[in-house]
Protein backbone atom coordinates (compact mmCIF):
# COMPACT_ATOMS: atom_id res chain seq x y z
CA MET A 1 -30.96 157.46 -26.71
CA LYS A 2 -33.31 159.36 -29.25
CA ILE A 3 -33.27 156.85 -31.85
CA ALA A 4 -33.94 157.54 -35.56
CA ILE A 5 -35.28 154.63 -37.48
CA LEU A 6 -34.66 155.31 -41.14
CA ASP A 7 -36.56 152.46 -43.83
CA THR A 8 -37.68 152.15 -47.80
CA TYR A 9 -40.31 150.28 -49.19
CA TYR A 10 -40.95 148.22 -51.86
CA PRO A 11 -42.31 150.46 -54.67
CA ASP A 12 -45.07 147.97 -55.62
CA VAL A 13 -46.63 148.25 -51.67
CA LEU A 14 -46.67 152.11 -51.05
CA SER A 15 -48.27 152.21 -55.18
CA ALA A 16 -50.66 149.69 -53.90
CA ARG A 17 -51.45 151.59 -50.44
CA TYR A 18 -52.20 154.59 -52.24
CA ARG A 19 -53.51 153.31 -55.08
CA SER A 20 -56.30 151.66 -52.18
CA GLU A 21 -56.99 155.00 -50.93
CA PRO A 22 -56.75 157.74 -53.68
CA GLY A 23 -57.15 160.44 -51.38
CA LEU A 24 -54.05 159.39 -48.75
CA ALA A 25 -51.64 161.42 -50.71
CA LEU A 26 -53.38 164.34 -50.03
CA THR A 27 -54.03 164.11 -46.43
CA GLY A 28 -50.91 165.72 -43.87
CA TYR A 29 -47.72 163.72 -43.49
CA ALA A 30 -49.12 162.02 -39.78
CA ASN A 31 -52.23 160.03 -41.80
CA GLN A 32 -50.03 158.91 -44.17
CA HIS A 33 -47.27 157.87 -41.70
CA ALA A 34 -49.61 155.71 -39.90
CA ALA A 35 -51.68 154.10 -42.57
CA LEU A 36 -48.38 152.81 -44.22
CA ILE A 37 -47.14 151.47 -40.01
CA ALA A 38 -50.63 150.12 -40.23
CA LEU A 39 -49.43 147.88 -43.39
CA ALA A 40 -47.11 146.00 -40.78
CA PHE A 41 -44.35 145.56 -44.48
CA GLY A 42 -41.34 144.55 -43.14
CA THR A 43 -39.86 145.48 -40.02
CA SER A 44 -42.96 148.41 -39.92
CA ASP A 45 -42.96 149.92 -36.23
CA PHE A 46 -41.60 146.67 -34.30
CA TYR A 47 -38.62 148.23 -33.25
CA SER A 48 -39.73 151.55 -32.11
CA ARG A 49 -42.57 149.92 -30.69
CA HIS A 50 -40.13 148.05 -28.39
CA LEU A 51 -37.17 150.60 -28.22
CA ASN A 52 -39.77 153.18 -27.12
CA ASP A 53 -41.28 150.75 -24.37
CA LEU A 54 -37.55 149.92 -23.16
CA GLY A 55 -37.77 153.62 -22.48
CA HIS A 56 -35.71 154.77 -25.03
CA GLN A 57 -37.30 158.14 -28.02
CA ALA A 58 -37.60 155.83 -31.22
CA SER A 59 -39.65 157.15 -34.38
CA ASP A 60 -39.88 156.17 -38.10
CA LEU A 61 -39.41 157.35 -40.87
CA ILE A 62 -39.75 156.20 -44.56
CA VAL A 63 -37.59 157.79 -46.64
CA ASN A 64 -38.77 156.49 -50.02
CA CYS A 65 -42.38 157.67 -50.23
CA GLU A 66 -42.72 160.31 -52.55
CA PRO A 67 -46.01 162.09 -51.12
CA LEU A 68 -45.06 161.19 -47.50
CA GLN A 69 -42.25 162.74 -47.88
CA ARG A 70 -43.64 165.74 -49.74
CA ALA A 71 -46.47 166.03 -46.94
CA TRP A 72 -43.68 166.59 -44.54
CA ALA A 73 -41.88 169.24 -46.45
CA ARG A 74 -44.69 170.87 -46.89
CA GLU A 75 -45.68 171.19 -43.66
CA THR A 76 -42.50 172.14 -42.40
CA GLY A 77 -41.58 174.28 -45.12
CA VAL A 78 -38.80 172.48 -47.04
CA ARG A 79 -38.22 173.09 -50.96
CA VAL A 80 -37.85 170.25 -53.61
CA ALA A 81 -38.25 170.40 -56.74
CA ALA A 82 -40.39 167.62 -58.73
CA ALA A 83 -37.31 166.34 -60.58
CA GLN A 84 -35.22 165.95 -57.73
CA MET A 85 -37.77 162.95 -56.62
CA ARG A 86 -37.29 161.41 -59.84
CA ILE A 87 -33.67 160.25 -59.49
CA PRO A 88 -33.70 156.09 -59.91
CA HIS A 89 -32.80 153.84 -56.57
CA ARG A 90 -30.42 150.92 -58.05
CA TYR A 91 -31.85 148.46 -55.51
CA PHE A 92 -35.41 149.00 -54.91
CA ARG A 93 -36.82 149.85 -58.27
CA LEU A 94 -37.99 152.55 -56.81
CA PRO A 95 -36.65 157.07 -57.83
CA VAL A 96 -35.07 157.51 -54.94
CA ILE A 97 -31.32 158.00 -54.61
CA GLY A 98 -28.79 160.29 -56.94
CA SER A 99 -25.56 158.27 -57.57
CA MET A 100 -21.96 159.73 -55.30
CA ALA A 101 -21.26 161.98 -57.85
CA CYS A 102 -24.80 163.96 -57.91
CA ALA A 103 -26.25 166.54 -55.98
CA LEU A 104 -28.35 165.73 -52.84
CA SER A 105 -31.56 163.76 -54.03
CA GLY A 106 -34.72 165.23 -53.00
CA PHE A 107 -35.96 161.63 -51.17
CA SER A 108 -32.40 162.47 -49.22
CA ARG A 109 -32.83 166.20 -48.87
CA ILE A 110 -36.27 166.22 -47.10
CA ALA A 111 -34.03 162.79 -45.12
CA LEU A 112 -31.95 165.22 -44.31
CA ALA A 113 -33.78 168.01 -42.91
CA GLN A 114 -35.55 165.30 -40.90
CA LEU A 115 -32.69 164.48 -38.72
CA GLU A 116 -31.13 167.71 -38.84
CA ALA A 117 -34.93 168.36 -36.87
CA LEU A 118 -34.50 165.21 -34.87
CA GLN A 119 -30.91 165.57 -34.24
CA PRO A 120 -31.01 161.57 -32.91
CA ASP A 121 -28.61 160.00 -30.75
CA ILE A 122 -28.21 156.80 -33.42
CA LEU A 123 -29.86 156.70 -37.06
CA TYR A 124 -30.80 153.74 -37.79
CA CYS A 125 -30.44 152.85 -41.84
CA GLN A 126 -32.38 149.91 -42.37
CA ASP A 127 -31.61 149.97 -46.04
CA LEU A 128 -27.66 150.45 -46.80
CA TRP A 129 -28.32 152.21 -50.26
CA PHE A 130 -29.94 154.70 -49.26
CA MET A 131 -27.52 156.09 -47.51
CA THR A 132 -24.67 157.55 -50.15
CA PRO A 133 -20.85 158.67 -48.97
CA GLN A 134 -22.54 161.95 -49.45
CA LEU A 135 -25.41 162.18 -47.69
CA ALA A 136 -23.70 160.66 -44.50
CA ARG A 137 -21.13 163.47 -44.83
CA ARG A 138 -23.78 165.93 -44.36
CA LEU A 139 -25.37 164.04 -41.80
CA ARG A 140 -22.94 163.46 -39.34
CA PRO A 141 -22.97 167.04 -37.11
CA HIS A 142 -26.54 165.69 -37.11
CA VAL A 143 -26.95 162.65 -35.15
CA GLY A 144 -24.45 160.86 -32.99
CA ARG A 145 -23.91 158.01 -34.68
CA ILE A 146 -24.50 156.20 -38.08
CA VAL A 147 -26.08 152.49 -37.67
CA GLY A 148 -26.50 150.69 -40.30
CA GLN A 149 -28.86 146.90 -40.51
CA THR A 150 -28.43 144.51 -43.62
CA ALA A 151 -29.93 140.99 -44.68
CA SER A 152 -29.55 141.31 -48.63
CA PRO A 153 -26.19 141.85 -50.52
CA LEU A 154 -23.94 144.52 -49.89
CA PRO A 155 -23.58 148.11 -51.03
CA PRO A 156 -19.90 148.80 -52.48
CA PRO A 157 -17.04 149.64 -49.63
CA GLU A 158 -17.75 153.67 -49.64
CA TYR A 159 -20.96 153.18 -48.83
CA LEU A 160 -19.82 151.15 -45.62
CA ALA A 161 -17.29 153.30 -44.84
CA SER A 162 -20.17 156.03 -43.72
CA TYR A 163 -20.57 153.22 -40.43
CA ASP A 164 -20.11 153.20 -37.37
CA LEU A 165 -21.94 149.88 -36.95
CA ILE A 166 -23.40 147.31 -39.06
CA VAL A 167 -26.05 144.97 -37.63
CA THR A 168 -26.91 141.86 -39.98
CA SER A 169 -28.91 138.29 -39.64
CA PHE A 170 -26.32 137.01 -41.88
CA PRO A 171 -23.37 135.72 -39.51
CA HIS A 172 -20.86 134.98 -41.97
CA TYR A 173 -20.51 139.09 -42.49
CA VAL A 174 -19.11 140.40 -39.35
CA PRO A 175 -16.01 138.78 -39.71
CA ARG A 176 -16.42 140.27 -43.08
CA LEU A 177 -16.84 143.41 -42.30
CA ARG A 178 -14.78 143.81 -39.57
CA ALA A 179 -11.72 142.73 -41.82
CA LEU A 180 -12.93 145.66 -44.08
CA GLY A 181 -12.51 147.78 -40.53
CA ILE A 182 -16.11 148.18 -39.83
CA ALA A 183 -17.29 147.23 -36.28
CA ALA A 184 -20.32 144.65 -36.94
CA GLU A 185 -22.66 142.48 -34.70
CA TYR A 186 -25.11 139.85 -35.05
CA LEU A 187 -28.76 139.98 -34.58
CA PRO A 188 -31.42 137.56 -36.23
CA ILE A 189 -35.05 138.76 -37.42
CA ALA A 190 -37.26 137.81 -35.13
CA PHE A 191 -41.60 138.17 -35.42
CA GLU A 192 -43.94 140.24 -34.01
CA PRO A 193 -47.02 138.47 -31.87
CA ALA A 194 -49.03 141.86 -32.57
CA VAL A 195 -49.42 140.70 -36.30
CA LEU A 196 -51.16 137.22 -35.04
CA ASP A 197 -54.15 140.07 -33.42
CA ARG A 198 -53.64 142.13 -36.72
CA ILE A 199 -54.68 139.54 -38.75
CA GLY A 200 -57.23 137.52 -36.63
CA THR A 201 -59.01 134.07 -37.40
CA VAL A 202 -57.51 132.54 -40.87
CA LYS A 203 -59.39 129.22 -42.25
CA ARG A 204 -56.32 126.86 -43.02
CA ASP A 205 -57.53 126.76 -46.65
CA ILE A 206 -54.14 126.06 -48.76
CA GLY A 207 -52.12 122.83 -48.43
CA ALA A 208 -48.63 124.09 -49.36
CA SER A 209 -47.91 127.34 -50.06
CA PHE A 210 -44.13 129.47 -51.73
CA VAL A 211 -44.56 133.43 -50.80
CA GLY A 212 -41.96 135.73 -51.80
CA GLY A 213 -39.73 137.13 -54.86
CA ILE A 214 -38.21 135.02 -58.05
CA SER A 215 -35.48 137.48 -58.48
CA ARG A 216 -32.00 138.10 -59.11
CA HIS A 217 -31.11 137.36 -56.15
CA HIS A 218 -33.15 134.14 -56.13
CA GLY A 219 -31.32 132.17 -59.15
CA ARG A 220 -30.66 129.39 -57.81
CA ALA A 221 -34.11 128.57 -55.98
CA LEU A 222 -35.63 129.25 -59.14
CA PRO A 223 -35.49 125.28 -60.79
CA MET A 224 -35.83 124.28 -57.37
CA LEU A 225 -39.67 126.00 -57.26
CA GLU A 226 -39.94 124.88 -60.99
CA TYR A 227 -39.88 121.22 -59.52
CA LEU A 228 -42.28 121.49 -56.52
CA ALA A 229 -44.39 123.27 -59.33
CA ARG A 230 -44.07 119.71 -61.28
CA ASN A 231 -44.43 117.41 -58.74
CA THR A 232 -46.64 118.82 -56.04
CA PRO A 233 -49.55 121.22 -55.20
CA ILE A 234 -47.93 123.98 -53.49
CA GLU A 235 -49.45 127.86 -54.34
CA PHE A 236 -47.23 130.96 -55.47
CA PHE A 237 -47.63 133.86 -53.89
CA GLY A 238 -45.42 137.48 -54.45
CA TYR A 239 -43.23 139.21 -57.18
CA GLY A 240 -41.25 138.54 -59.61
CA ALA A 241 -43.57 136.17 -61.57
CA GLU A 242 -43.34 138.34 -64.83
CA ARG A 243 -39.66 137.51 -64.78
CA LEU A 244 -40.88 133.77 -65.44
CA GLY A 245 -40.68 131.63 -68.81
CA TYR A 246 -44.24 131.47 -70.71
CA ASP A 247 -43.50 127.33 -69.99
CA SER A 248 -43.19 127.88 -66.16
CA PRO A 249 -45.31 125.75 -64.42
CA ILE A 250 -45.06 128.41 -61.07
CA ARG A 251 -47.48 130.89 -63.85
CA GLU A 252 -50.73 128.72 -64.00
CA ARG A 253 -50.50 128.22 -59.70
CA HIS A 254 -49.15 132.10 -59.35
CA HIS A 255 -51.93 134.22 -57.57
CA GLY A 256 -49.82 137.55 -58.05
CA GLU A 257 -47.97 139.67 -54.99
CA ALA A 258 -49.03 139.38 -51.57
CA TRP A 259 -47.80 142.00 -49.34
CA ALA A 260 -47.49 142.68 -45.43
CA LEU A 261 -50.60 141.78 -43.52
CA ASP A 262 -51.67 139.97 -46.89
CA MET A 263 -47.75 138.04 -47.26
CA TYR A 264 -48.79 136.78 -43.40
CA ARG A 265 -52.51 136.05 -44.15
CA ALA A 266 -51.04 133.84 -47.43
CA ILE A 267 -48.75 131.94 -44.92
CA ALA A 268 -51.47 131.30 -42.03
CA ARG A 269 -54.19 130.12 -44.74
CA SER A 270 -51.46 127.14 -45.48
CA HIS A 271 -50.64 123.65 -43.75
CA VAL A 272 -47.36 123.79 -45.11
CA THR A 273 -44.39 126.61 -46.29
CA PHE A 274 -41.58 125.96 -48.20
CA ASN A 275 -38.76 128.50 -47.88
CA ARG A 276 -35.33 128.56 -49.17
CA HIS A 277 -32.69 131.34 -48.56
CA ILE A 278 -31.26 134.13 -51.21
CA ASP A 279 -28.11 133.16 -52.42
CA VAL A 280 -26.33 135.71 -50.48
CA ALA A 281 -27.11 134.02 -46.93
CA GLU A 282 -24.61 131.13 -48.48
CA ASP A 283 -24.57 128.20 -45.40
CA ASN A 284 -26.92 130.21 -42.97
CA ALA A 285 -30.14 130.30 -41.60
CA ASN A 286 -31.34 133.89 -41.06
CA ASN A 287 -34.17 134.91 -43.51
CA MET A 288 -37.65 136.76 -42.40
CA ARG A 289 -39.42 133.76 -43.02
CA LEU A 290 -38.14 131.57 -40.89
CA TYR A 291 -40.64 133.49 -38.46
CA GLU A 292 -42.92 134.86 -40.07
CA ALA A 293 -43.87 131.01 -40.83
CA THR A 294 -43.30 129.50 -37.17
CA GLY A 295 -44.91 132.82 -35.88
CA VAL A 296 -48.50 132.59 -37.00
CA GLY A 297 -48.90 128.44 -36.39
CA THR A 298 -47.86 127.31 -40.11
CA LEU A 299 -45.76 124.18 -40.83
CA LEU A 300 -42.43 125.41 -41.57
CA ILE A 301 -40.71 123.78 -44.71
CA THR A 302 -36.75 125.37 -45.27
CA ASP A 303 -33.44 124.63 -46.73
CA SER A 304 -30.84 122.88 -44.56
CA LYS A 305 -28.19 125.44 -42.84
CA ARG A 306 -25.45 124.48 -40.39
CA ASN A 307 -26.60 127.24 -38.25
CA LEU A 308 -30.51 126.73 -37.98
CA ALA A 309 -30.48 124.32 -35.64
CA GLN A 310 -29.39 126.97 -33.41
CA LEU A 311 -32.78 128.73 -34.24
CA PHE A 312 -35.24 126.05 -34.17
CA GLU A 313 -35.05 122.17 -33.69
CA PRO A 314 -35.49 120.92 -36.90
CA GLY A 315 -37.89 117.48 -36.90
CA ARG A 316 -39.35 118.84 -33.55
CA GLU A 317 -40.09 122.64 -34.80
CA VAL A 318 -39.49 123.04 -38.44
CA VAL A 319 -38.89 120.71 -41.22
CA VAL A 320 -35.53 120.15 -43.23
CA TYR A 321 -34.73 119.23 -46.98
CA SER A 322 -31.63 119.20 -48.99
CA ASP A 323 -32.26 118.74 -52.32
CA ALA A 324 -35.28 119.53 -54.95
CA GLU A 325 -36.43 115.98 -54.59
CA GLU A 326 -36.50 115.36 -50.46
CA ALA A 327 -38.24 118.72 -49.99
CA ALA A 328 -41.38 117.77 -52.64
CA ARG A 329 -41.24 114.36 -50.55
CA LEU A 330 -41.59 115.94 -47.20
CA ILE A 331 -44.50 118.13 -48.69
CA ARG A 332 -46.70 115.99 -50.30
CA HIS A 333 -45.81 113.71 -46.59
CA TYR A 334 -47.12 116.15 -44.82
CA LEU A 335 -50.32 116.67 -46.99
CA GLU A 336 -50.69 113.14 -45.91
CA HIS A 337 -50.45 113.43 -42.41
CA PRO A 338 -51.69 116.75 -41.37
CA ASP A 339 -51.71 115.81 -37.73
CA GLU A 340 -48.34 115.05 -38.05
CA ALA A 341 -47.58 118.47 -39.75
CA ALA A 342 -50.23 120.55 -37.11
CA GLU A 343 -47.65 119.01 -34.15
CA ILE A 344 -44.50 120.78 -35.56
CA ALA A 345 -46.24 123.23 -36.49
CA ARG A 346 -47.08 124.44 -32.54
CA ALA A 347 -43.81 123.72 -31.67
CA GLY A 348 -42.71 126.09 -34.42
CA GLN A 349 -44.76 128.17 -33.51
CA ALA A 350 -44.17 128.41 -29.49
CA ARG A 351 -40.43 128.46 -29.93
CA THR A 352 -41.02 132.08 -31.62
CA LEU A 353 -43.19 133.44 -29.36
CA ARG A 354 -41.36 132.04 -27.07
CA GLU A 355 -37.18 132.78 -27.91
CA HIS A 356 -37.55 135.23 -31.74
CA THR A 357 -39.72 138.15 -30.67
CA TYR A 358 -39.04 141.95 -31.47
CA ARG A 359 -38.90 142.39 -28.01
CA GLN A 360 -36.18 140.49 -27.32
CA ARG A 361 -33.94 141.19 -30.34
CA MET A 362 -34.31 144.87 -29.16
CA GLU A 363 -33.28 144.55 -25.45
CA SER A 364 -29.96 142.20 -27.36
CA LEU A 365 -30.16 145.59 -29.71
CA VAL A 366 -30.01 148.30 -27.24
CA PRO A 367 -26.69 146.98 -25.62
CA MET A 368 -24.76 147.14 -28.98
CA LEU A 369 -25.83 151.08 -29.77
CA GLU A 370 -25.18 151.64 -26.22
CA ARG A 371 -21.68 150.52 -26.61
CA CYS A 372 -21.15 152.14 -30.14
CA LEU A 373 -21.98 155.42 -28.99
CA GLU A 374 -18.85 155.19 -26.52
CA GLN A 375 -16.86 154.16 -29.01
CA PRO A 376 -15.19 157.37 -31.55
CA ARG A 377 -17.47 157.56 -34.18
CA ARG A 378 -15.53 157.04 -38.11
CA PRO A 379 -14.27 159.88 -40.00
CA GLY A 380 -16.41 162.41 -41.19
């Protein structure tokens, strides 16, 4: 199969990368693309590298990066006005797409041209919000099937109807999507072992950490995080600190944003790390932190979920809490008993490296994509 993987990066990640190398935006598409993939942000090239190893032809498109996409357009003769690259995106806080009623944005126009050139059997879209119904209609003649992946709040039904298949790490989304007449499959998230070589040897100089965002999707988590800040020595990394109240106890322990490899290093520096799922996860364990934390060998203290035992053995590979008081008690306990913490962390890492790698997930994804190709396409 020829597979094009369409992804969007957080705007702060893109801005930081281009600020760190002022001349990067003036280089060619291939050089900029390699620089962004090297960040190991999100799923990076974790899908494509293993799909290629499995005998398929997979490539990555980072479609909301203006300098990168302009470089591709410049090199291929696609003309896009500067104003067309400035249409707001409602979810990623970055100029990316237009509304259904508007003409295609510059980002969408370039993505359309890229996919017209690639003619993939599968367009695998990691951002359901990017694929407007209008863009999907324009793409239909140039792609075999449109597949989406989600582990976040769903876009409106008219967006969802554009997909031949939606793959999700939320078990509860599968029946809901199927009830809408949309084919859906469950596929958990994973860890990429190559990250361990990328971050190198990291000194564990942080007792407890929370590495993650503070946003409207984490609304119920904020009181718990503030309770932990008052009752444990936990340190905080991630985005959203500017939204905190001036009297929030998190502020004095917040160390700013930590993206990509810096995110992995912040977790790896920690003896224990705290995890809390976003509200739309409901009673299901699914998020990337499950695998990132265990993958780098840090003790994960995570919220109790009904399906967690299918992924990790609570008490032996990860530690589970039910409320803020229990979470604080567990953090203090494992900081006071580092040998116990290290033993569970080692077991969690062994489980992740044994069963939860992107190579294994791609081995599960390929049959899903092959079945999708065998089914009739959704109407245009």
